[in-house]
PDB file of all heavy atoms in Angstrom:
ATOM      1  N   ILE A   1      14.874   1.058 -29.783  1.00  0.00           N
ATOM      2  CA  ILE A   1      15.614  -0.152 -29.411  1.00  0.00           C
ATOM      3  C   ILE A   1      16.672   0.176 -28.364  1.00  0.00           C
ATOM      4  O   ILE A   1      16.837  -0.548 -27.381  1.00  0.00           O
ATOM      5  CB  ILE A   1      16.251  -0.802 -30.670  1.00  0.00           C
ATOM      6  CG1 ILE A   1      15.151  -1.383 -31.560  1.00  0.00           C
ATOM      7  CG2 ILE A   1      17.261  -1.873 -30.268  1.00  0.00           C
ATOM      8  CD1 ILE A   1      15.645  -1.874 -32.906  1.00  0.00           C
ATOM      9  N   GLY A   2      17.374   1.256 -28.521  1.00  0.00           N
ATOM     10  CA  GLY A   2      18.400   1.660 -27.560  1.00  0.00           C
ATOM     11  C   GLY A   2      17.826   1.943 -26.180  1.00  0.00           C
ATOM     12  O   GLY A   2      18.346   1.488 -25.159  1.00  0.00           O
ATOM     13  N   VAL A   3      16.737   2.689 -26.139  1.00  0.00           N
ATOM     14  CA  VAL A   3      16.091   3.010 -24.863  1.00  0.00           C
ATOM     15  C   VAL A   3      15.547   1.741 -24.222  1.00  0.00           C
ATOM     16  O   VAL A   3      15.699   1.517 -23.018  1.00  0.00           O
ATOM     17  CB  VAL A   3      14.975   4.068 -25.059  1.00  0.00           C
ATOM     18  CG1 VAL A   3      14.107   4.188 -23.817  1.00  0.00           C
ATOM     19  CG2 VAL A   3      15.585   5.409 -25.413  1.00  0.00           C
ATOM     20  N   SER A   4      14.928   0.881 -25.008  1.00  0.00           N
ATOM     21  CA  SER A   4      14.360  -0.368 -24.474  1.00  0.00           C
ATOM     22  C   SER A   4      15.450  -1.257 -23.890  1.00  0.00           C
ATOM     23  O   SER A   4      15.292  -1.813 -22.795  1.00  0.00           O
ATOM     24  CB  SER A   4      13.619  -1.128 -25.573  1.00  0.00           C
ATOM     25  OG  SER A   4      12.530  -0.385 -26.037  1.00  0.00           O
ATOM     26  N   SER A   5      16.543  -1.405 -24.608  1.00  0.00           N
ATOM     27  CA  SER A   5      17.622  -2.268 -24.103  1.00  0.00           C
ATOM     28  C   SER A   5      18.238  -1.684 -22.834  1.00  0.00           C
ATOM     29  O   SER A   5      18.587  -2.427 -21.907  1.00  0.00           O
ATOM     30  CB  SER A   5      18.686  -2.503 -25.168  1.00  0.00           C
ATOM     31  OG  SER A   5      19.321  -1.294 -25.502  1.00  0.00           O
ATOM     32  N   THR A   6      18.349  -0.373 -22.754  1.00  0.00           N
ATOM     33  CA  THR A   6      18.871   0.260 -21.539  1.00  0.00           C
ATOM     34  C   THR A   6      17.934   0.026 -20.367  1.00  0.00           C
ATOM     35  O   THR A   6      18.370  -0.313 -19.259  1.00  0.00           O
ATOM     36  CB  THR A   6      19.066   1.777 -21.763  1.00  0.00           C
ATOM     37  OG1 THR A   6      19.996   1.978 -22.828  1.00  0.00           O
ATOM     38  CG2 THR A   6      19.579   2.460 -20.505  1.00  0.00           C
ATOM     39  N   LEU A   7      16.638   0.188 -20.585  1.00  0.00           N
ATOM     40  CA  LEU A   7      15.658  -0.029 -19.513  1.00  0.00           C
ATOM     41  C   LEU A   7      15.664  -1.484 -19.049  1.00  0.00           C
ATOM     42  O   LEU A   7      15.596  -1.764 -17.845  1.00  0.00           O
ATOM     43  CB  LEU A   7      14.257   0.374 -19.982  1.00  0.00           C
ATOM     44  CG  LEU A   7      14.023   1.871 -20.161  1.00  0.00           C
ATOM     45  CD1 LEU A   7      12.644   2.122 -20.772  1.00  0.00           C
ATOM     46  CD2 LEU A   7      14.170   2.601 -18.843  1.00  0.00           C
ATOM     47  N   ILE A   8      15.754  -2.410 -19.971  1.00  0.00           N
ATOM     48  CA  ILE A   8      15.778  -3.832 -19.602  1.00  0.00           C
ATOM     49  C   ILE A   8      17.036  -4.158 -18.812  1.00  0.00           C
ATOM     50  O   ILE A   8      16.978  -4.839 -17.783  1.00  0.00           O
ATOM     51  CB  ILE A   8      15.660  -4.713 -20.865  1.00  0.00           C
ATOM     52  CG1 ILE A   8      14.253  -4.591 -21.441  1.00  0.00           C
ATOM     53  CG2 ILE A   8      15.999  -6.165 -20.548  1.00  0.00           C
ATOM     54  CD1 ILE A   8      14.075  -5.229 -22.807  1.00  0.00           C
ATOM     55  N   SER A   9      18.187  -3.662 -19.258  1.00  0.00           N
ATOM     56  CA  SER A   9      19.431  -3.955 -18.530  1.00  0.00           C
ATOM     57  C   SER A   9      19.424  -3.316 -17.145  1.00  0.00           C
ATOM     58  O   SER A   9      19.906  -3.915 -16.173  1.00  0.00           O
ATOM     59  CB  SER A   9      20.658  -3.514 -19.328  1.00  0.00           C
ATOM     60  OG  SER A   9      20.705  -2.112 -19.436  1.00  0.00           O
ATOM     61  N   GLU A  10      18.861  -2.126 -17.013  1.00  0.00           N
ATOM     62  CA  GLU A  10      18.766  -1.472 -15.695  1.00  0.00           C
ATOM     63  C   GLU A  10      17.836  -2.244 -14.767  1.00  0.00           C
ATOM     64  O   GLU A  10      18.087  -2.346 -13.571  1.00  0.00           O
ATOM     65  CB  GLU A  10      18.289  -0.026 -15.834  1.00  0.00           C
ATOM     66  CG  GLU A  10      19.335   0.925 -16.342  1.00  0.00           C
ATOM     67  CD  GLU A  10      20.547   0.998 -15.443  1.00  0.00           C
ATOM     68  OE1 GLU A  10      20.389   1.080 -14.206  1.00  0.00           O
ATOM     69  OE2 GLU A  10      21.669   0.971 -15.973  1.00  0.00           O
ATOM     70  N   ARG A  11      16.779  -2.782 -15.324  1.00  0.00           N
ATOM     71  CA  ARG A  11      15.861  -3.574 -14.507  1.00  0.00           C
ATOM     72  C   ARG A  11      16.572  -4.816 -13.952  1.00  0.00           C
ATOM     73  O   ARG A  11      16.445  -5.137 -12.779  1.00  0.00           O
ATOM     74  CB  ARG A  11      14.640  -3.974 -15.318  1.00  0.00           C
ATOM     75  CG  ARG A  11      13.677  -4.825 -14.524  1.00  0.00           C
ATOM     76  CD  ARG A  11      12.475  -5.212 -15.364  1.00  0.00           C
ATOM     77  NE  ARG A  11      11.769  -6.282 -14.727  1.00  0.00           N
ATOM     78  CZ  ARG A  11      10.612  -6.146 -14.132  1.00  0.00           C
ATOM     79  NH1 ARG A  11      10.027  -4.975 -14.106  1.00  0.00           N
ATOM     80  NH2 ARG A  11      10.014  -7.170 -13.575  1.00  0.00           N
ATOM     81  N   PHE A  12      17.321  -5.522 -14.803  1.00  0.00           N
ATOM     82  CA  PHE A  12      18.041  -6.703 -14.338  1.00  0.00           C
ATOM     83  C   PHE A  12      19.145  -6.330 -13.355  1.00  0.00           C
ATOM     84  O   PHE A  12      19.358  -7.028 -12.369  1.00  0.00           O
ATOM     85  CB  PHE A  12      18.607  -7.497 -15.519  1.00  0.00           C
ATOM     86  CG  PHE A  12      17.564  -8.266 -16.263  1.00  0.00           C
ATOM     87  CD1 PHE A  12      17.330  -8.037 -17.603  1.00  0.00           C
ATOM     88  CD2 PHE A  12      16.791  -9.218 -15.617  1.00  0.00           C
ATOM     89  CE1 PHE A  12      16.361  -8.740 -18.285  1.00  0.00           C
ATOM     90  CE2 PHE A  12      15.817  -9.936 -16.290  1.00  0.00           C
ATOM     91  CZ  PHE A  12      15.599  -9.692 -17.636  1.00  0.00           C
ATOM     92  N   ARG A  13      19.831  -5.238 -13.615  1.00  0.00           N
ATOM     93  CA  ARG A  13      20.876  -4.782 -12.704  1.00  0.00           C
ATOM     94  C   ARG A  13      20.263  -4.402 -11.357  1.00  0.00           C
ATOM     95  O   ARG A  13      20.803  -4.706 -10.304  1.00  0.00           O
ATOM     96  CB  ARG A  13      21.631  -3.600 -13.295  1.00  0.00           C
ATOM     97  CG  ARG A  13      22.838  -3.197 -12.457  1.00  0.00           C
ATOM     98  CD  ARG A  13      23.660  -2.086 -13.085  1.00  0.00           C
ATOM     99  NE  ARG A  13      23.935  -2.357 -14.485  1.00  0.00           N
ATOM    100  CZ  ARG A  13      23.895  -1.449 -15.453  1.00  0.00           C
ATOM    101  NH1 ARG A  13      23.600  -0.197 -15.177  1.00  0.00           N
ATOM    102  NH2 ARG A  13      24.153  -1.768 -16.698  1.00  0.00           N
ATOM    103  N   GLY A  14      19.116  -3.748 -11.365  1.00  0.00           N
ATOM    104  CA  GLY A  14      18.427  -3.387 -10.135  1.00  0.00           C
ATOM    105  C   GLY A  14      17.993  -4.611  -9.348  1.00  0.00           C
ATOM    106  O   GLY A  14      18.098  -4.646  -8.127  1.00  0.00           O
ATOM    107  N   ARG A  15      17.519  -5.627 -10.028  1.00  0.00           N
ATOM    108  CA  ARG A  15      17.114  -6.863  -9.367  1.00  0.00           C
ATOM    109  C   ARG A  15      18.322  -7.539  -8.716  1.00  0.00           C
ATOM    110  O   ARG A  15      18.230  -8.003  -7.582  1.00  0.00           O
ATOM    111  CB  ARG A  15      16.457  -7.803 -10.375  1.00  0.00           C
ATOM    112  CG  ARG A  15      15.968  -9.096  -9.732  1.00  0.00           C
ATOM    113  CD  ARG A  15      15.340 -10.035 -10.721  1.00  0.00           C
ATOM    114  NE  ARG A  15      14.214  -9.390 -11.384  1.00  0.00           N
ATOM    115  CZ  ARG A  15      13.687  -9.801 -12.530  1.00  0.00           C
ATOM    116  NH1 ARG A  15      14.177 -10.847 -13.152  1.00  0.00           N
ATOM    117  NH2 ARG A  15      12.668  -9.165 -13.068  1.00  0.00           N
ATOM    118  N   GLU A  16      19.427  -7.582  -9.418  1.00  0.00           N
ATOM    119  CA  GLU A  16      20.638  -8.201  -8.864  1.00  0.00           C
ATOM    120  C   GLU A  16      21.140  -7.422  -7.655  1.00  0.00           C
ATOM    121  O   GLU A  16      21.539  -8.010  -6.643  1.00  0.00           O
ATOM    122  CB  GLU A  16      21.735  -8.282  -9.934  1.00  0.00           C
ATOM    123  CG  GLU A  16      23.001  -8.958  -9.460  1.00  0.00           C
ATOM    124  CD  GLU A  16      22.795 -10.406  -9.049  1.00  0.00           C
ATOM    125  OE1 GLU A  16      21.916 -11.082  -9.613  1.00  0.00           O
ATOM    126  OE2 GLU A  16      23.516 -10.861  -8.140  1.00  0.00           O
ATOM    127  N   THR A  17      21.106  -6.111  -7.723  1.00  0.00           N
ATOM    128  CA  THR A  17      21.507  -5.276  -6.588  1.00  0.00           C
ATOM    129  C   THR A  17      20.607  -5.525  -5.391  1.00  0.00           C
ATOM    130  O   THR A  17      21.078  -5.657  -4.261  1.00  0.00           O
ATOM    131  CB  THR A  17      21.480  -3.784  -6.976  1.00  0.00           C
ATOM    132  OG1 THR A  17      22.350  -3.579  -8.075  1.00  0.00           O
ATOM    133  CG2 THR A  17      21.885  -2.903  -5.814  1.00  0.00           C
ATOM    134  N   ARG A  18      19.310  -5.612  -5.639  1.00  0.00           N
ATOM    135  CA  ARG A  18      18.368  -5.888  -4.556  1.00  0.00           C
ATOM    136  C   ARG A  18      18.633  -7.253  -3.921  1.00  0.00           C
ATOM    137  O   ARG A  18      18.626  -7.400  -2.701  1.00  0.00           O
ATOM    138  CB  ARG A  18      16.933  -5.807  -5.072  1.00  0.00           C
ATOM    139  CG  ARG A  18      15.896  -5.858  -3.962  1.00  0.00           C
ATOM    140  CD  ARG A  18      14.464  -5.767  -4.466  1.00  0.00           C
ATOM    141  NE  ARG A  18      14.076  -6.979  -5.159  1.00  0.00           N
ATOM    142  CZ  ARG A  18      13.848  -7.088  -6.469  1.00  0.00           C
ATOM    143  NH1 ARG A  18      13.953  -6.044  -7.250  1.00  0.00           N
ATOM    144  NH2 ARG A  18      13.504  -8.238  -7.008  1.00  0.00           N
ATOM    145  N   LEU A  19      18.900  -8.258  -4.749  1.00  0.00           N
ATOM    146  CA  LEU A  19      19.201  -9.592  -4.222  1.00  0.00           C
ATOM    147  C   LEU A  19      20.486  -9.585  -3.397  1.00  0.00           C
ATOM    148  O   LEU A  19      20.568 -10.244  -2.349  1.00  0.00           O
ATOM    149  CB  LEU A  19      19.306 -10.603  -5.368  1.00  0.00           C
ATOM    150  CG  LEU A  19      18.000 -10.944  -6.078  1.00  0.00           C
ATOM    151  CD1 LEU A  19      18.263 -11.820  -7.299  1.00  0.00           C
ATOM    152  CD2 LEU A  19      17.020 -11.597  -5.136  1.00  0.00           C
ATOM    153  N   GLN A  20      21.492  -8.847  -3.844  1.00  0.00           N
ATOM    154  CA  GLN A  20      22.738  -8.738  -3.076  1.00  0.00           C
ATOM    155  C   GLN A  20      22.502  -8.050  -1.733  1.00  0.00           C
ATOM    156  O   GLN A  20      23.049  -8.468  -0.713  1.00  0.00           O
ATOM    157  CB  GLN A  20      23.800  -7.987  -3.884  1.00  0.00           C
ATOM    158  CG  GLN A  20      24.367  -8.775  -5.029  1.00  0.00           C
ATOM    159  CD  GLN A  20      25.317  -7.950  -5.886  1.00  0.00           C
ATOM    160  OE1 GLN A  20      25.418  -6.732  -5.742  1.00  0.00           O
ATOM    161  NE2 GLN A  20      26.004  -8.607  -6.802  1.00  0.00           N
ATOM    162  N   LEU A  21      21.695  -7.001  -1.728  1.00  0.00           N
ATOM    163  CA  LEU A  21      21.383  -6.308  -0.471  1.00  0.00           C
ATOM    164  C   LEU A  21      20.606  -7.207   0.480  1.00  0.00           C
ATOM    165  O   LEU A  21      20.863  -7.216   1.692  1.00  0.00           O
ATOM    166  CB  LEU A  21      20.610  -5.023  -0.745  1.00  0.00           C
ATOM    167  CG  LEU A  21      21.401  -3.889  -1.387  1.00  0.00           C
ATOM    168  CD1 LEU A  21      20.466  -2.740  -1.764  1.00  0.00           C
ATOM    169  CD2 LEU A  21      22.486  -3.411  -0.451  1.00  0.00           C
ATOM    170  N   GLU A  22      19.658  -7.973  -0.052  1.00  0.00           N
ATOM    171  CA  GLU A  22      18.897  -8.893   0.790  1.00  0.00           C
ATOM    172  C   GLU A  22      19.803  -9.971   1.384  1.00  0.00           C
ATOM    173  O   GLU A  22      19.684 -10.322   2.553  1.00  0.00           O
ATOM    174  CB  GLU A  22      17.769  -9.535  -0.010  1.00  0.00           C
ATOM    175  CG  GLU A  22      16.631  -8.591  -0.319  1.00  0.00           C
ATOM    176  CD  GLU A  22      15.596  -9.188  -1.258  1.00  0.00           C
ATOM    177  OE1 GLU A  22      15.718 -10.378  -1.643  1.00  0.00           O
ATOM    178  OE2 GLU A  22      14.656  -8.459  -1.614  1.00  0.00           O
ATOM    179  N   ARG A  23      20.716 -10.497   0.579  1.00  0.00           N
ATOM    180  CA  ARG A  23      21.647 -11.520   1.066  1.00  0.00           C
ATOM    181  C   ARG A  23      22.566 -10.937   2.149  1.00  0.00           C
ATOM    182  O   ARG A  23      22.821 -11.573   3.162  1.00  0.00           O
ATOM    183  CB  ARG A  23      22.482 -12.071  -0.079  1.00  0.00           C
ATOM    184  CG  ARG A  23      23.441 -13.170   0.384  1.00  0.00           C
ATOM    185  CD  ARG A  23      24.232 -13.755  -0.751  1.00  0.00           C
ATOM    186  NE  ARG A  23      23.314 -14.474  -1.627  1.00  0.00           N
ATOM    187  CZ  ARG A  23      23.574 -14.773  -2.883  1.00  0.00           C
ATOM    188  NH1 ARG A  23      24.712 -14.420  -3.435  1.00  0.00           N
ATOM    189  NH2 ARG A  23      22.693 -15.436  -3.611  1.00  0.00           N
ATOM    190  N   ALA A  24      23.022  -9.718   1.957  1.00  0.00           N
ATOM    191  CA  ALA A  24      23.873  -9.069   2.957  1.00  0.00           C
ATOM    192  C   ALA A  24      23.105  -8.833   4.255  1.00  0.00           C
ATOM    193  O   ALA A  24      23.640  -9.031   5.352  1.00  0.00           O
ATOM    194  CB  ALA A  24      24.422  -7.746   2.415  1.00  0.00           C
ATOM    195  N   MET A  25      21.839  -8.440   4.138  1.00  0.00           N
ATOM    196  CA  MET A  25      21.015  -8.230   5.332  1.00  0.00           C
ATOM    197  C   MET A  25      20.798  -9.545   6.081  1.00  0.00           C
ATOM    198  O   MET A  25      20.913  -9.601   7.303  1.00  0.00           O
ATOM    199  CB  MET A  25      19.667  -7.619   4.958  1.00  0.00           C
ATOM    200  CG  MET A  25      18.776  -7.366   6.153  1.00  0.00           C
ATOM    201  SD  MET A  25      17.032  -7.164   5.735  1.00  0.00           S
ATOM    202  CE  MET A  25      16.680  -8.682   4.906  1.00  0.00           C
ATOM    203  N   ARG A  26      20.510 -10.619   5.343  1.00  0.00           N
ATOM    204  CA  ARG A  26      20.323 -11.922   5.998  1.00  0.00           C
ATOM    205  C   ARG A  26      21.620 -12.390   6.641  1.00  0.00           C
ATOM    206  O   ARG A  26      21.604 -12.927   7.758  1.00  0.00           O
ATOM    207  CB  ARG A  26      19.799 -12.958   5.006  1.00  0.00           C
ATOM    208  CG  ARG A  26      18.330 -12.794   4.705  1.00  0.00           C
ATOM    209  CD  ARG A  26      17.724 -13.995   4.000  1.00  0.00           C
ATOM    210  NE  ARG A  26      18.545 -14.596   2.971  1.00  0.00           N
ATOM    211  CZ  ARG A  26      18.578 -14.207   1.697  1.00  0.00           C
ATOM    212  NH1 ARG A  26      17.834 -13.200   1.297  1.00  0.00           N
ATOM    213  NH2 ARG A  26      19.348 -14.834   0.828  1.00  0.00           N
ATOM    214  N   THR A  27      22.740 -12.179   5.973  1.00  0.00           N
ATOM    215  CA  THR A  27      24.026 -12.573   6.544  1.00  0.00           C
ATOM    216  C   THR A  27      24.273 -11.836   7.854  1.00  0.00           C
ATOM    217  O   THR A  27      24.676 -12.442   8.854  1.00  0.00           O
ATOM    218  CB  THR A  27      25.174 -12.294   5.544  1.00  0.00           C
ATOM    219  OG1 THR A  27      24.939 -13.042   4.351  1.00  0.00           O
ATOM    220  CG2 THR A  27      26.511 -12.668   6.125  1.00  0.00           C
ATOM    221  N   GLU A  28      24.014 -10.552   7.871  1.00  0.00           N
ATOM    222  CA  GLU A  28      24.184  -9.758   9.096  1.00  0.00           C
ATOM    223  C   GLU A  28      23.240 -10.242  10.193  1.00  0.00           C
ATOM    224  O   GLU A  28      23.629 -10.369  11.356  1.00  0.00           O
ATOM    225  CB  GLU A  28      23.942  -8.278   8.801  1.00  0.00           C
ATOM    226  CG  GLU A  28      24.208  -7.366   9.971  1.00  0.00           C
ATOM    227  CD  GLU A  28      25.680  -7.292  10.348  1.00  0.00           C
ATOM    228  OE1 GLU A  28      26.535  -7.534   9.490  1.00  0.00           O
ATOM    229  OE2 GLU A  28      25.954  -6.981  11.517  1.00  0.00           O
ATOM    230  N   THR A  29      22.011 -10.541   9.833  1.00  0.00           N
ATOM    231  CA  THR A  29      21.042 -11.061  10.794  1.00  0.00           C
ATOM    232  C   THR A  29      21.517 -12.397  11.357  1.00  0.00           C
ATOM    233  O   THR A  29      21.452 -12.636  12.569  1.00  0.00           O
ATOM    234  CB  THR A  29      19.654 -11.231  10.125  1.00  0.00           C
ATOM    235  OG1 THR A  29      19.219  -9.950   9.657  1.00  0.00           O
ATOM    236  CG2 THR A  29      18.637 -11.805  11.080  1.00  0.00           C
ATOM    237  N   TYR A  30      22.024 -13.266  10.488  1.00  0.00           N
ATOM    238  CA  TYR A  30      22.513 -14.575  10.933  1.00  0.00           C
ATOM    239  C   TYR A  30      23.702 -14.417  11.874  1.00  0.00           C
ATOM    240  O   TYR A  30      23.786 -15.102  12.902  1.00  0.00           O
ATOM    241  CB  TYR A  30      22.922 -15.440   9.745  1.00  0.00           C
ATOM    242  CG  TYR A  30      21.789 -15.812   8.821  1.00  0.00           C
ATOM    243  CD1 TYR A  30      22.038 -16.329   7.563  1.00  0.00           C
ATOM    244  CD2 TYR A  30      20.452 -15.643   9.190  1.00  0.00           C
ATOM    245  CE1 TYR A  30      21.013 -16.686   6.712  1.00  0.00           C
ATOM    246  CE2 TYR A  30      19.416 -15.995   8.336  1.00  0.00           C
ATOM    247  CZ  TYR A  30      19.710 -16.528   7.099  1.00  0.00           C
ATOM    248  OH  TYR A  30      18.695 -16.875   6.260  1.00  0.00           O
ATOM    249  N   LEU A  31      24.621 -13.534  11.526  1.00  0.00           N
ATOM    250  CA  LEU A  31      25.786 -13.326  12.388  1.00  0.00           C
ATOM    251  C   LEU A  31      25.375 -12.790  13.752  1.00  0.00           C
ATOM    252  O   LEU A  31      25.919 -13.214  14.785  1.00  0.00           O
ATOM    253  CB  LEU A  31      26.772 -12.375  11.711  1.00  0.00           C
ATOM    254  CG  LEU A  31      27.513 -12.945  10.507  1.00  0.00           C
ATOM    255  CD1 LEU A  31      28.322 -11.854   9.817  1.00  0.00           C
ATOM    256  CD2 LEU A  31      28.389 -14.114  10.900  1.00  0.00           C
TER     257      LEU A  31
END
């Protein structure tokens, strides 16, 4: 259970980080 919850939280954190990087890249492109 501990390993599973850690893997799930890392997956969501990774997705959020990726979305933030994509938004920053688009913002830079727009500017």
